[in-house]
C-alpha atoms as a PDB file:
ATOM      1  CA  MET A   1      -0.167  -1.703  13.481  1.00  0.00           C
ATOM      2  CA  ALA A   2      -0.597   1.597  15.288  1.00  0.00           C
ATOM      3  CA  GLY A   3       2.240   3.902  14.340  1.00  0.00           C
ATOM      4  CA  GLU A   4       3.580   1.732  11.510  1.00  0.00           C
ATOM      5  CA  THR A   5       4.416   3.608   8.325  1.00  0.00           C
ATOM      6  CA  PHE A   6       5.313   0.645   6.104  1.00  0.00           C
ATOM      7  CA  ILE A   7       3.235  -2.477   5.565  1.00  0.00           C
ATOM      8  CA  GLU A   8       3.743  -5.474   3.306  1.00  0.00           C
ATOM      9  CA  VAL A   9       0.660  -6.801   1.538  1.00  0.00           C
ATOM     10  CA  VAL A  10       1.171 -10.478   0.675  1.00  0.00           C
ATOM     11  CA  HIS A  11      -0.959 -11.302  -2.375  1.00  0.00           C
ATOM     12  CA  GLY A  12       0.986 -14.203  -3.883  1.00  0.00           C
ATOM     13  CA  ILE A  13       1.991 -14.599  -7.511  1.00  0.00           C
ATOM     14  CA  GLY A  14      -0.825 -16.551  -9.225  1.00  0.00           C
ATOM     15  CA  GLU A  15      -2.627 -14.784 -12.057  1.00  0.00           C
ATOM     16  CA  GLY A  16      -2.035 -11.275 -10.699  1.00  0.00           C
ATOM     17  CA  ILE A  17      -5.654 -10.561  -9.769  1.00  0.00           C
ATOM     18  CA  LEU A  18      -4.936  -9.775  -6.104  1.00  0.00           C
ATOM     19  CA  LYS A  19      -1.816  -7.796  -7.049  1.00  0.00           C
ATOM     20  CA  LYS A  20      -3.915  -5.636  -9.394  1.00  0.00           C
ATOM     21  CA  LEU A  21      -6.604  -5.194  -6.722  1.00  0.00           C
ATOM     22  CA  THR A  22      -3.903  -4.138  -4.246  1.00  0.00           C
ATOM     23  CA  ALA A  23      -2.441  -1.608  -6.705  1.00  0.00           C
ATOM     24  CA  ASP A  24      -5.915  -0.211  -7.502  1.00  0.00           C
ATOM     25  CA  THR A  25      -6.691   0.177  -3.794  1.00  0.00           C
ATOM     26  CA  ILE A  26      -3.388   1.969  -3.161  1.00  0.00           C
ATOM     27  CA  ARG A  27      -4.042   4.380  -6.053  1.00  0.00           C
ATOM     28  CA  SER A  28      -7.566   5.113  -4.789  1.00  0.00           C
ATOM     29  CA  HIS A  29      -6.320   6.452  -1.427  1.00  0.00           C
ATOM     30  CA  ASP A  30      -4.242   9.631  -1.140  1.00  0.00           C
ATOM     31  CA  PHE A  31      -2.579   8.425   2.058  1.00  0.00           C
ATOM     32  CA  LEU A  32      -1.117   5.220   0.561  1.00  0.00           C
ATOM     33  CA  LYS A  33       1.977   4.984  -1.637  1.00  0.00           C
ATOM     34  CA  GLU A  34       3.430   1.885  -3.288  1.00  0.00           C
ATOM     35  CA  ILE A  35       7.152   1.528  -2.568  1.00  0.00           C
ATOM     36  CA  ASP A  36       9.600  -0.002  -5.041  1.00  0.00           C
ATOM     37  CA  TYR A  37      11.283  -2.969  -3.344  1.00  0.00           C
ATOM     38  CA  THR A  38      14.392  -2.638  -5.511  1.00  0.00           C
ATOM     39  CA  GLN A  39      15.523   0.466  -3.602  1.00  0.00           C
ATOM     40  CA  PHE A  40      16.114  -1.916  -0.678  1.00  0.00           C
ATOM     41  CA  GLY A  41      17.866  -4.521  -2.838  1.00  0.00           C
ATOM     42  CA  ILE A  42      14.897  -6.888  -2.514  1.00  0.00           C
ATOM     43  CA  SER A  43      12.744  -8.494  -5.184  1.00  0.00           C
ATOM     44  CA  ASN A  44       9.463 -10.138  -4.162  1.00  0.00           C
ATOM     45  CA  PRO A  45       6.785 -10.449  -6.865  1.00  0.00           C
ATOM     46  CA  GLY A  46       4.379 -12.043  -4.351  1.00  0.00           C
ATOM     47  CA  SER A  47       3.963  -8.975  -2.154  1.00  0.00           C
ATOM     48  CA  THR A  48       3.649  -5.202  -2.331  1.00  0.00           C
ATOM     49  CA  LEU A  49       5.332  -2.765   0.040  1.00  0.00           C
ATOM     50  CA  VAL A  50       3.080   0.155   0.999  1.00  0.00           C
ATOM     51  CA  GLU A  51       3.888   3.380   2.821  1.00  0.00           C
ATOM     52  CA  VAL A  52       1.066   4.780   4.943  1.00  0.00           C
ATOM     53  CA  LEU A  53       1.197   8.576   4.790  1.00  0.00           C
ATOM     54  CA  GLY A  54      -0.584  10.852   7.224  1.00  0.00           C
ATOM     55  CA  PRO A  55      -3.870  11.957   5.642  1.00  0.00           C
ATOM     56  CA  ASP A  56      -4.632  15.654   5.261  1.00  0.00           C
ATOM     57  CA  LYS A  57      -7.376  17.182   7.427  1.00  0.00           C
ATOM     58  CA  ASP A  58     -10.134  16.884   4.805  1.00  0.00           C
ATOM     59  CA  THR A  59      -9.369  13.237   4.098  1.00  0.00           C
ATOM     60  CA  LEU A  60      -9.251  12.439   7.794  1.00  0.00           C
ATOM     61  CA  LYS A  61     -12.656  14.078   8.341  1.00  0.00           C
ATOM     62  CA  ARG A  62     -14.132  12.042   5.466  1.00  0.00           C
ATOM     63  CA  TYR A  63     -13.012   8.739   6.999  1.00  0.00           C
ATOM     64  CA  LEU A  64     -14.047   9.634  10.555  1.00  0.00           C
ATOM     65  CA  ARG A  65     -17.716  10.264   9.719  1.00  0.00           C
END
């Protein structure tokens, strides 16, 4: 995954528990951003498209401890 900027998290449809956990995790990290599939003309309720942004210096230091 080194160098990738987009990842697809496959959580399935089910009861939405894993989808909610995925969304909560994305919101808790400044360097992750959920991408709307519809801008690509795709609809997939069983997965979430995530953009991995470069962290700022302070965030990077926090994770490298």
